[in-house]
Amino acid sequence: VRVPVASLQTGDGNRDEHMLETLEAGKFPFVVLKGIVRLGADHQVPTGPVTLDGEVELHGVKTPAAIPVSLLLQPDGSVRARGSFDVSLDAHGVQRPSLLFVKIEDACHIDFDLVLRGGR
């Protein structure tokens, strides 16, 4: 999954603008999540809670990730994947800005809700 850094939102426009500068969105325009969910013994997509084993690429740095995901098979054959995880800014080489001389937290919390469809 590739997500444009410019599409990330914190709920505060001023903070979002500073975030784009800090993440160097012009130089590193995407956050990339790659991973594998193991199929069940019946070779079907498992439903319910599973772990996505993969990596997160942010600010040009890749780190391994084990992300809890809830999968739900939809009537049209697509799969809805929901989950959340934390990403360390330090581990991805992001210089954390200070607000009134206090650095922002290292952990960035990411929530996602995706609908996955097979290729045609």
C-alpha atoms as a PDB file:
ATOM      1  CA  VAL A   1       0.000   0.000   0.000  1.00  0.00           C
ATOM      2  CA  ARG A   2       1.395   3.419  -0.985  1.00  0.00           C
ATOM      3  CA  VAL A   3      -0.075   6.455   0.728  1.00  0.00           C
ATOM      4  CA  PRO A   4       0.895  10.003  -0.253  1.00  0.00           C
ATOM      5  CA  VAL A   5       2.475  11.779   2.713  1.00  0.00           C
ATOM      6  CA  ALA A   6       0.468  14.859   1.699  1.00  0.00           C
ATOM      7  CA  SER A   7      -2.770  12.951   2.433  1.00  0.00           C
ATOM      8  CA  LEU A   8      -1.902  12.323   6.102  1.00  0.00           C
ATOM      9  CA  GLN A   9      -4.052  14.343   8.489  1.00  0.00           C
ATOM     10  CA  THR A  10      -3.717  15.066  12.193  1.00  0.00           C
ATOM     11  CA  GLY A  11      -6.866  17.145  12.577  1.00  0.00           C
ATOM     12  CA  ASP A  12      -4.928  20.432  12.820  1.00  0.00           C
ATOM     13  CA  GLY A  13      -4.055  22.258   9.577  1.00  0.00           C
ATOM     14  CA  ASN A  14      -1.070  24.112  11.059  1.00  0.00           C
ATOM     15  CA  ARG A  15       0.350  20.880  12.465  1.00  0.00           C
ATOM     16  CA  ASP A  16      -0.249  19.125   9.124  1.00  0.00           C
ATOM     17  CA  GLU A  17       1.786  21.794   7.319  1.00  0.00           C
ATOM     18  CA  HIS A  18       4.695  21.382   9.745  1.00  0.00           C
ATOM     19  CA  MET A  19       4.437  17.607   9.441  1.00  0.00           C
ATOM     20  CA  LEU A  20       4.862  17.810   5.647  1.00  0.00           C
ATOM     21  CA  GLU A  21       7.999  19.909   6.117  1.00  0.00           C
ATOM     22  CA  THR A  22       9.420  17.575   8.773  1.00  0.00           C
ATOM     23  CA  LEU A  23       8.738  14.453   6.706  1.00  0.00           C
ATOM     24  CA  GLU A  24      10.231  16.166   3.637  1.00  0.00           C
ATOM     25  CA  ALA A  25       7.183  15.252   1.555  1.00  0.00           C
ATOM     26  CA  GLY A  26       8.753  16.653  -1.627  1.00  0.00           C
ATOM     27  CA  LYS A  27      11.735  14.323  -1.307  1.00  0.00           C
ATOM     28  CA  PHE A  28       9.878  11.328   0.214  1.00  0.00           C
ATOM     29  CA  PRO A  29       6.311  11.628  -1.126  1.00  0.00           C
ATOM     30  CA  PHE A  30       4.982   8.222   0.016  1.00  0.00           C
ATOM     31  CA  VAL A  31       4.620   6.046   3.079  1.00  0.00           C
ATOM     32  CA  VAL A  32       4.782   2.428   1.879  1.00  0.00           C
ATOM     33  CA  LEU A  33       3.483  -0.621   3.723  1.00  0.00           C
ATOM     34  CA  LYS A  34       4.374  -4.043   2.310  1.00  0.00           C
ATOM     35  CA  GLY A  35       3.363  -7.265   3.933  1.00  0.00           C
ATOM     36  CA  ILE A  36       2.066 -10.785   3.827  1.00  0.00           C
ATOM     37  CA  VAL A  37      -0.885 -12.386   5.550  1.00  0.00           C
ATOM     38  CA  ARG A  38      -0.579 -16.163   5.586  1.00  0.00           C
ATOM     39  CA  LEU A  39      -3.501 -18.059   4.011  1.00  0.00           C
ATOM     40  CA  GLY A  40      -5.352 -20.609   6.098  1.00  0.00           C
ATOM     41  CA  ALA A  41      -4.926 -24.378   5.669  1.00  0.00           C
ATOM     42  CA  ASP A  42      -7.834 -24.269   3.181  1.00  0.00           C
ATOM     43  CA  HIS A  43      -5.932 -21.629   1.107  1.00  0.00           C
ATOM     44  CA  GLN A  44      -8.637 -19.068   1.825  1.00  0.00           C
ATOM     45  CA  VAL A  45      -8.131 -15.560   3.160  1.00  0.00           C
ATOM     46  CA  PRO A  46      -8.419 -15.810   6.949  1.00  0.00           C
ATOM     47  CA  THR A  47     -11.006 -13.615   8.634  1.00  0.00           C
ATOM     48  CA  GLY A  48     -10.785 -11.986  12.016  1.00  0.00           C
ATOM     49  CA  PRO A  49      -7.577 -10.903  13.707  1.00  0.00           C
ATOM     50  CA  VAL A  50      -4.331 -11.779  11.898  1.00  0.00           C
ATOM     51  CA  THR A  51      -0.796 -10.395  11.768  1.00  0.00           C
ATOM     52  CA  LEU A  52       0.614  -8.661   8.706  1.00  0.00           C
ATOM     53  CA  ASP A  53       4.333  -9.482   8.519  1.00  0.00           C
ATOM     54  CA  GLY A  54       6.223  -6.922   6.478  1.00  0.00           C
ATOM     55  CA  GLU A  55       7.888  -3.549   6.451  1.00  0.00           C
ATOM     56  CA  VAL A  56       7.075   0.141   6.658  1.00  0.00           C
ATOM     57  CA  GLU A  57       8.975   2.642   4.536  1.00  0.00           C
ATOM     58  CA  LEU A  58       8.853   6.221   5.782  1.00  0.00           C
ATOM     59  CA  HIS A  59      11.259   9.059   4.989  1.00  0.00           C
ATOM     60  CA  GLY A  60      13.255   6.695   2.761  1.00  0.00           C
ATOM     61  CA  VAL A  61      13.951   4.218   5.600  1.00  0.00           C
ATOM     62  CA  LYS A  62      12.493   0.691   5.758  1.00  0.00           C
ATOM     63  CA  THR A  63      11.815  -1.017   9.080  1.00  0.00           C
ATOM     64  CA  PRO A  64      10.305  -4.452   9.794  1.00  0.00           C
ATOM     65  CA  ALA A  65       6.745  -4.514  11.102  1.00  0.00           C
ATOM     66  CA  ALA A  66       4.311  -7.028  12.563  1.00  0.00           C
ATOM     67  CA  ILE A  67       0.949  -5.280  12.348  1.00  0.00           C
ATOM     68  CA  PRO A  68      -2.290  -6.611  13.857  1.00  0.00           C
ATOM     69  CA  VAL A  69      -5.049  -6.489  11.244  1.00  0.00           C
ATOM     70  CA  SER A  70      -8.713  -7.449  11.322  1.00  0.00           C
ATOM     71  CA  LEU A  71      -9.873  -8.963   8.009  1.00  0.00           C
ATOM     72  CA  LEU A  72     -13.499  -9.234   6.934  1.00  0.00           C
ATOM     73  CA  LEU A  73     -14.576 -10.881   3.673  1.00  0.00           C
ATOM     74  CA  GLN A  74     -17.144  -8.682   1.870  1.00  0.00           C
ATOM     75  CA  PRO A  75     -20.111 -10.000  -0.179  1.00  0.00           C
ATOM     76  CA  ASP A  76     -18.492  -8.765  -3.430  1.00  0.00           C
ATOM     77  CA  GLY A  77     -15.356 -10.860  -2.758  1.00  0.00           C
ATOM     78  CA  SER A  78     -13.235  -7.949  -1.577  1.00  0.00           C
ATOM     79  CA  VAL A  79     -11.545  -7.966   1.821  1.00  0.00           C
ATOM     80  CA  ARG A  80     -11.802  -5.127   4.326  1.00  0.00           C
ATOM     81  CA  ALA A  81      -8.629  -4.707   6.387  1.00  0.00           C
ATOM     82  CA  ARG A  82      -8.643  -2.546   9.514  1.00  0.00           C
ATOM     83  CA  GLY A  83      -5.936  -1.925  12.034  1.00  0.00           C
ATOM     84  CA  SER A  84      -3.584   0.457  13.727  1.00  0.00           C
ATOM     85  CA  PHE A  85       0.068   0.594  14.659  1.00  0.00           C
ATOM     86  CA  ASP A  86       2.784   2.947  15.840  1.00  0.00           C
ATOM     87  CA  VAL A  87       5.773   4.072  13.768  1.00  0.00           C
ATOM     88  CA  SER A  88       8.970   5.406  15.366  1.00  0.00           C
ATOM     89  CA  LEU A  89      10.070   8.688  13.810  1.00  0.00           C
ATOM     90  CA  ASP A  90      13.595   8.209  15.189  1.00  0.00           C
ATOM     91  CA  ALA A  91      13.877   4.758  13.574  1.00  0.00           C
ATOM     92  CA  HIS A  92      13.011   6.358  10.203  1.00  0.00           C
ATOM     93  CA  GLY A  93      15.542   9.188  10.467  1.00  0.00           C
ATOM     94  CA  VAL A  94      12.941  11.920  10.994  1.00  0.00           C
ATOM     95  CA  GLN A  95      14.222  14.908  12.971  1.00  0.00           C
ATOM     96  CA  ARG A  96      11.444  15.475  15.503  1.00  0.00           C
ATOM     97  CA  PRO A  97      10.540  19.160  15.773  1.00  0.00           C
ATOM     98  CA  SER A  98      10.180  20.940  19.102  1.00  0.00           C
ATOM     99  CA  LEU A  99       7.163  22.868  20.275  1.00  0.00           C
ATOM    100  CA  LEU A 100       8.090  25.391  22.973  1.00  0.00           C
ATOM    101  CA  PHE A 101      11.430  23.555  23.406  1.00  0.00           C
ATOM    102  CA  VAL A 102       9.761  20.157  23.927  1.00  0.00           C
ATOM    103  CA  LYS A 103      10.264  17.550  21.173  1.00  0.00           C
ATOM    104  CA  ILE A 104       7.158  15.874  19.805  1.00  0.00           C
ATOM    105  CA  GLU A 105       6.616  12.205  20.675  1.00  0.00           C
ATOM    106  CA  ASP A 106       8.670   9.600  18.819  1.00  0.00           C
ATOM    107  CA  ALA A 107       5.677   7.344  18.117  1.00  0.00           C
ATOM    108  CA  CYS A 108       3.325   8.258  15.281  1.00  0.00           C
ATOM    109  CA  HIS A 109       0.024   6.406  15.572  1.00  0.00           C
ATOM    110  CA  ILE A 110      -1.465   5.242  12.264  1.00  0.00           C
ATOM    111  CA  ASP A 111      -5.032   3.938  11.815  1.00  0.00           C
ATOM    112  CA  PHE A 112      -6.093   2.347   8.548  1.00  0.00           C
ATOM    113  CA  ASP A 113      -9.266   1.003   6.952  1.00  0.00           C
ATOM    114  CA  LEU A 114      -8.699  -0.515   3.488  1.00  0.00           C
ATOM    115  CA  VAL A 115     -10.799  -2.421   0.968  1.00  0.00           C
ATOM    116  CA  LEU A 116      -8.674  -4.869  -1.025  1.00  0.00           C
ATOM    117  CA  ARG A 117      -9.881  -6.146  -4.394  1.00  0.00           C
ATOM    118  CA  GLY A 118      -8.299  -8.786  -6.629  1.00  0.00           C
ATOM    119  CA  GLY A 119      -6.822  -7.845  -9.997  1.00  0.00           C
ATOM    120  CA  ARG A 120      -8.869  -8.309 -13.132  1.00  0.00           C
END
